Amino acid sequence: MTCLLETIGELLRYPDERYALLLDEAVRHSLDECRAALERLRERTSVLSLSELQGLYTRTFDLSPLCSLEVGWQLYGEDYARGSFLAYMRSVLAAHGVAERGELPDHLAHVLPAIARMPAGADDLRQRAALPAVRKMLKVFEGQANPYADLLRATAILLEIPVSKPEEEPSHV
């Protein structure tokens, strides 16, 4: 599951020429419902050029705050609590070797690999932050035919699977 969380995190970044290869890798490593959602995504995006896929990504995630991929924004909006969550995520990323690459530390592209690498506390971050944020984003897609809904569905399915036994690590979620 660690590899799949990392790959899904990459798929949640602005698409580049590696997108189709990453998607194929994710399909290979996934099971059941998660695989079905990723296969639907692959089918629906295979007909798009890279520039069309990039445009869809921008319209979906960058121009619509309701679908922002930033977990803290989904949970706290503009509240001061988001600042605390951002600081917490920055420390988690540093502690677990997840490099910040262009997005804020609470972006799902960072959060998913962090969950994959955390020996303790991953289930707390997964259950109390990442999964509720993804579920909130999925509500925006109800009744829409956006292929990125399938990527978020696969993400939610994956986040529903526990990744570790709860251990002693302080939570700031």
C-alpha atoms as a PDB file:
ATOM      1  CA  MET A   1       0.000   0.000   0.000  1.00  0.00           C
ATOM      2  CA  THR A   2       2.940   2.329   0.620  1.00  0.00           C
ATOM      3  CA  CYS A   3       3.918   2.363  -3.050  1.00  0.00           C
ATOM      4  CA  LEU A   4       0.319   2.958  -4.108  1.00  0.00           C
ATOM      5  CA  LEU A   5      -0.117   5.915  -1.729  1.00  0.00           C
ATOM      6  CA  GLU A   6       3.046   7.476  -3.141  1.00  0.00           C
ATOM      7  CA  THR A   7       1.901   6.902  -6.737  1.00  0.00           C
ATOM      8  CA  ILE A   8      -1.589   8.308  -6.084  1.00  0.00           C
ATOM      9  CA  GLY A   9       0.129  11.320  -4.527  1.00  0.00           C
ATOM     10  CA  GLU A  10       2.039  11.836  -7.774  1.00  0.00           C
ATOM     11  CA  LEU A  11      -1.183  11.503  -9.794  1.00  0.00           C
ATOM     12  CA  LEU A  12      -2.660  14.316  -7.705  1.00  0.00           C
ATOM     13  CA  ARG A  13       0.034  16.707  -8.926  1.00  0.00           C
ATOM     14  CA  TYR A  14      -0.246  18.821 -12.063  1.00  0.00           C
ATOM     15  CA  PRO A  15      -0.059  16.269 -14.902  1.00  0.00           C
ATOM     16  CA  ASP A  16       3.124  15.898 -16.922  1.00  0.00           C
ATOM     17  CA  GLU A  17       4.359  13.448 -19.524  1.00  0.00           C
ATOM     18  CA  ARG A  18       4.690  10.714 -16.857  1.00  0.00           C
ATOM     19  CA  TYR A  19       0.967  10.765 -16.015  1.00  0.00           C
ATOM     20  CA  ALA A  20      -0.100   7.738 -18.090  1.00  0.00           C
ATOM     21  CA  LEU A  21       2.841   5.669 -16.808  1.00  0.00           C
ATOM     22  CA  LEU A  22       2.063   6.590 -13.203  1.00  0.00           C
ATOM     23  CA  LEU A  23      -1.574   5.701 -13.745  1.00  0.00           C
ATOM     24  CA  ASP A  24      -0.603   2.319 -15.209  1.00  0.00           C
ATOM     25  CA  GLU A  25       1.622   1.711 -12.176  1.00  0.00           C
ATOM     26  CA  ALA A  26      -1.208   2.624  -9.804  1.00  0.00           C
ATOM     27  CA  VAL A  27      -3.594   0.249 -11.575  1.00  0.00           C
ATOM     28  CA  ARG A  28      -1.021  -2.579 -11.331  1.00  0.00           C
ATOM     29  CA  HIS A  29      -0.579  -2.090  -7.578  1.00  0.00           C
ATOM     30  CA  SER A  30      -4.235  -1.617  -6.633  1.00  0.00           C
ATOM     31  CA  LEU A  31      -7.002  -4.056  -5.767  1.00  0.00           C
ATOM     32  CA  ASP A  32     -10.734  -4.350  -6.334  1.00  0.00           C
ATOM     33  CA  GLU A  33     -12.729  -1.111  -6.049  1.00  0.00           C
ATOM     34  CA  CYS A  34      -9.601   1.034  -6.066  1.00  0.00           C
ATOM     35  CA  ARG A  35      -8.434  -0.633  -9.272  1.00  0.00           C
ATOM     36  CA  ALA A  36     -11.856  -0.191 -10.880  1.00  0.00           C
ATOM     37  CA  ALA A  37     -11.834   3.552 -10.139  1.00  0.00           C
ATOM     38  CA  LEU A  38      -8.295   3.907 -11.499  1.00  0.00           C
ATOM     39  CA  GLU A  39      -9.174   1.932 -14.624  1.00  0.00           C
ATOM     40  CA  ARG A  40     -12.147   4.276 -15.214  1.00  0.00           C
ATOM     41  CA  LEU A  41      -9.786   7.225 -14.802  1.00  0.00           C
ATOM     42  CA  ARG A  42      -7.327   5.682 -17.261  1.00  0.00           C
ATOM     43  CA  GLU A  43     -10.075   5.005 -19.799  1.00  0.00           C
ATOM     44  CA  ARG A  44     -11.508   8.526 -19.521  1.00  0.00           C
ATOM     45  CA  THR A  45      -8.155  10.322 -19.644  1.00  0.00           C
ATOM     46  CA  SER A  46      -6.524   8.210 -22.364  1.00  0.00           C
ATOM     47  CA  VAL A  47      -8.458  10.177 -25.004  1.00  0.00           C
ATOM     48  CA  LEU A  48      -7.134  13.518 -23.715  1.00  0.00           C
ATOM     49  CA  SER A  49      -3.928  15.164 -24.842  1.00  0.00           C
ATOM     50  CA  LEU A  50      -1.523  16.260 -22.122  1.00  0.00           C
ATOM     51  CA  SER A  51      -2.580  19.887 -22.545  1.00  0.00           C
ATOM     52  CA  GLU A  52      -6.270  18.904 -22.292  1.00  0.00           C
ATOM     53  CA  LEU A  53      -5.537  16.902 -19.133  1.00  0.00           C
ATOM     54  CA  GLN A  54      -3.597  19.823 -17.670  1.00  0.00           C
ATOM     55  CA  GLY A  55      -6.462  22.177 -18.464  1.00  0.00           C
ATOM     56  CA  LEU A  56      -8.931  19.820 -16.800  1.00  0.00           C
ATOM     57  CA  TYR A  57      -6.685  19.598 -13.733  1.00  0.00           C
ATOM     58  CA  THR A  58      -6.463  23.383 -13.497  1.00  0.00           C
ATOM     59  CA  ARG A  59     -10.228  23.855 -13.870  1.00  0.00           C
ATOM     60  CA  THR A  60     -10.931  21.079 -11.378  1.00  0.00           C
ATOM     61  CA  PHE A  61      -8.473  21.748  -8.587  1.00  0.00           C
ATOM     62  CA  ASP A  62      -6.873  25.163  -9.026  1.00  0.00           C
ATOM     63  CA  LEU A  63      -9.813  27.313 -10.082  1.00  0.00           C
ATOM     64  CA  SER A  64     -12.385  25.752  -7.756  1.00  0.00           C
ATOM     65  CA  PRO A  65     -11.688  26.262  -4.058  1.00  0.00           C
ATOM     66  CA  LEU A  66     -14.336  23.635  -3.275  1.00  0.00           C
ATOM     67  CA  CYS A  67     -12.015  21.029  -4.788  1.00  0.00           C
ATOM     68  CA  SER A  68      -8.735  22.366  -3.455  1.00  0.00           C
ATOM     69  CA  LEU A  69      -6.350  19.469  -2.857  1.00  0.00           C
ATOM     70  CA  GLU A  70      -5.124  21.100   0.347  1.00  0.00           C
ATOM     71  CA  VAL A  71      -6.332  19.027   3.281  1.00  0.00           C
ATOM     72  CA  GLY A  72      -6.074  21.867   5.782  1.00  0.00           C
ATOM     73  CA  TRP A  73      -8.196  24.145   3.622  1.00  0.00           C
ATOM     74  CA  GLN A  74     -10.841  21.434   3.296  1.00  0.00           C
ATOM     75  CA  LEU A  75     -10.911  20.938   7.075  1.00  0.00           C
ATOM     76  CA  TYR A  76     -10.456  24.478   8.379  1.00  0.00           C
ATOM     77  CA  GLY A  77     -10.968  26.910   5.505  1.00  0.00           C
ATOM     78  CA  GLU A  78      -9.396  30.248   6.329  1.00  0.00           C
ATOM     79  CA  ASP A  79      -9.495  29.595  10.094  1.00  0.00           C
ATOM     80  CA  TYR A  80      -6.290  29.996  12.110  1.00  0.00           C
ATOM     81  CA  ALA A  81      -6.364  26.255  12.829  1.00  0.00           C
ATOM     82  CA  ARG A  82      -5.176  25.712   9.277  1.00  0.00           C
ATOM     83  CA  GLY A  83      -1.905  27.451  10.126  1.00  0.00           C
ATOM     84  CA  SER A  84      -1.328  24.996  12.947  1.00  0.00           C
ATOM     85  CA  PHE A  85      -2.129  22.111  10.618  1.00  0.00           C
ATOM     86  CA  LEU A  86       0.292  23.470   7.991  1.00  0.00           C
ATOM     87  CA  ALA A  87       3.060  23.689  10.598  1.00  0.00           C
ATOM     88  CA  TYR A  88       2.261  20.153  11.781  1.00  0.00           C
ATOM     89  CA  MET A  89       2.357  18.833   8.208  1.00  0.00           C
ATOM     90  CA  ARG A  90       5.647  20.601   7.488  1.00  0.00           C
ATOM     91  CA  SER A  91       7.197  18.842  10.505  1.00  0.00           C
ATOM     92  CA  VAL A  92       5.693  15.484   9.434  1.00  0.00           C
ATOM     93  CA  LEU A  93       7.062  15.877   5.906  1.00  0.00           C
ATOM     94  CA  ALA A  94      10.528  16.733   7.211  1.00  0.00           C
ATOM     95  CA  ALA A  95      10.518  13.868   9.714  1.00  0.00           C
ATOM     96  CA  HIS A  96       9.535  11.309   7.084  1.00  0.00           C
ATOM     97  CA  GLY A  97      11.580  12.491   4.121  1.00  0.00           C
ATOM     98  CA  VAL A  98       8.764  13.852   1.976  1.00  0.00           C
ATOM     99  CA  ALA A  99      10.090  16.783  -0.031  1.00  0.00           C
ATOM    100  CA  GLU A 100       7.845  19.795  -0.519  1.00  0.00           C
ATOM    101  CA  ARG A 101       7.619  20.311  -4.247  1.00  0.00           C
ATOM    102  CA  GLY A 102       5.719  23.433  -5.182  1.00  0.00           C
ATOM    103  CA  GLU A 103       2.548  22.828  -3.181  1.00  0.00           C
ATOM    104  CA  LEU A 104       1.787  23.710   0.411  1.00  0.00           C
ATOM    105  CA  PRO A 105       2.608  20.987   2.961  1.00  0.00           C
ATOM    106  CA  ASP A 106      -1.077  20.061   3.387  1.00  0.00           C
ATOM    107  CA  HIS A 107      -1.550  19.222  -0.318  1.00  0.00           C
ATOM    108  CA  LEU A 108      -2.667  15.611  -0.852  1.00  0.00           C
ATOM    109  CA  ALA A 109       0.402  15.058  -3.030  1.00  0.00           C
ATOM    110  CA  HIS A 110       2.421  15.474   0.191  1.00  0.00           C
ATOM    111  CA  VAL A 111      -0.030  14.049   2.710  1.00  0.00           C
ATOM    112  CA  LEU A 112      -0.399  10.650   1.010  1.00  0.00           C
ATOM    113  CA  PRO A 113       3.332   9.858   0.890  1.00  0.00           C
ATOM    114  CA  ALA A 114       3.638  11.081   4.485  1.00  0.00           C
ATOM    115  CA  ILE A 115       0.921   8.642   5.563  1.00  0.00           C
ATOM    116  CA  ALA A 116       2.714   5.877   3.668  1.00  0.00           C
ATOM    117  CA  ARG A 117       6.008   6.581   5.451  1.00  0.00           C
ATOM    118  CA  MET A 118       4.780   7.231   8.994  1.00  0.00           C
ATOM    119  CA  PRO A 119       5.456   4.332  11.363  1.00  0.00           C
ATOM    120  CA  ALA A 120       3.144   5.849  13.952  1.00  0.00           C
ATOM    121  CA  GLY A 121       0.315   8.327  13.744  1.00  0.00           C
ATOM    122  CA  ALA A 122      -0.548   7.526  10.149  1.00  0.00           C
ATOM    123  CA  ASP A 123      -4.002   6.252  10.984  1.00  0.00           C
ATOM    124  CA  ASP A 124      -4.795   9.419  12.921  1.00  0.00           C
ATOM    125  CA  LEU A 125      -3.725  11.627  10.001  1.00  0.00           C
ATOM    126  CA  ARG A 126      -5.550   9.326   7.595  1.00  0.00           C
ATOM    127  CA  GLN A 127      -8.838   9.104   9.547  1.00  0.00           C
ATOM    128  CA  ARG A 128      -9.072  12.583  11.008  1.00  0.00           C
ATOM    129  CA  ALA A 129      -7.676  14.670   8.163  1.00  0.00           C
ATOM    130  CA  ALA A 130      -7.029  13.099   4.759  1.00  0.00           C
ATOM    131  CA  LEU A 131     -10.123  10.910   4.482  1.00  0.00           C
ATOM    132  CA  PRO A 132     -12.621  13.581   5.633  1.00  0.00           C
ATOM    133  CA  ALA A 133     -11.035  16.093   3.231  1.00  0.00           C
ATOM    134  CA  VAL A 134     -11.276  13.687   0.285  1.00  0.00           C
ATOM    135  CA  ARG A 135     -14.858  12.794   1.148  1.00  0.00           C
ATOM    136  CA  LYS A 136     -15.723  16.492   1.235  1.00  0.00           C
ATOM    137  CA  MET A 137     -14.157  16.991  -2.205  1.00  0.00           C
ATOM    138  CA  LEU A 138     -16.047  14.008  -3.607  1.00  0.00           C
ATOM    139  CA  LYS A 139     -19.355  15.670  -2.743  1.00  0.00           C
ATOM    140  CA  VAL A 140     -18.504  18.426  -5.226  1.00  0.00           C
ATOM    141  CA  PHE A 141     -18.282  15.828  -8.005  1.00  0.00           C
ATOM    142  CA  GLU A 142     -21.750  14.360  -7.442  1.00  0.00           C
ATOM    143  CA  GLY A 143     -23.628  14.445 -10.738  1.00  0.00           C
ATOM    144  CA  GLN A 144     -20.538  15.525 -12.705  1.00  0.00           C
ATOM    145  CA  ALA A 145     -18.644  13.581 -15.339  1.00  0.00           C
ATOM    146  CA  ASN A 146     -15.158  14.674 -14.309  1.00  0.00           C
ATOM    147  CA  PRO A 147     -12.531  11.894 -14.557  1.00  0.00           C
ATOM    148  CA  TYR A 148     -10.710  13.280 -11.536  1.00  0.00           C
ATOM    149  CA  ALA A 149     -13.650  12.113  -9.424  1.00  0.00           C
ATOM    150  CA  ASP A 150     -12.416   8.575 -10.074  1.00  0.00           C
ATOM    151  CA  LEU A 151      -8.947   9.514  -8.813  1.00  0.00           C
ATOM    152  CA  LEU A 152     -10.466  10.931  -5.631  1.00  0.00           C
ATOM    153  CA  ARG A 153     -12.695   7.840  -5.273  1.00  0.00           C
ATOM    154  CA  ALA A 154      -9.622   5.611  -5.525  1.00  0.00           C
ATOM    155  CA  THR A 155      -7.895   7.833  -2.965  1.00  0.00           C
ATOM    156  CA  ALA A 156     -10.827   7.559  -0.554  1.00  0.00           C
ATOM    157  CA  ILE A 157     -10.953   3.778  -0.942  1.00  0.00           C
ATOM    158  CA  LEU A 158      -7.247   3.560  -0.231  1.00  0.00           C
ATOM    159  CA  LEU A 159      -7.510   5.869   2.777  1.00  0.00           C
ATOM    160  CA  GLU A 160     -10.218   3.680   4.282  1.00  0.00           C
ATOM    161  CA  ILE A 161      -7.613   0.938   4.776  1.00  0.00           C
ATOM    162  CA  PRO A 162      -5.684   1.218   8.061  1.00  0.00           C
ATOM    163  CA  VAL A 163      -1.957   1.593   7.491  1.00  0.00           C
ATOM    164  CA  SER A 164      -0.563   1.062  10.988  1.00  0.00           C
ATOM    165  CA  LYS A 165      -1.386   0.189  14.545  1.00  0.00           C
ATOM    166  CA  PRO A 166      -1.940   3.319  16.615  1.00  0.00           C
ATOM    167  CA  GLU A 167       1.222   4.146  18.568  1.00  0.00           C
ATOM    168  CA  GLU A 168       2.342   7.062  20.651  1.00  0.00           C
ATOM    169  CA  GLU A 169       2.889  10.006  18.323  1.00  0.00           C
ATOM    170  CA  PRO A 170       1.337  13.376  19.087  1.00  0.00           C
ATOM    171  CA  SER A 171      -1.413  14.470  16.756  1.00  0.00           C
ATOM    172  CA  HIS A 172      -2.208  18.004  15.688  1.00  0.00           C
ATOM    173  CA  VAL A 173      -5.124  17.079  13.480  1.00  0.00           C
END
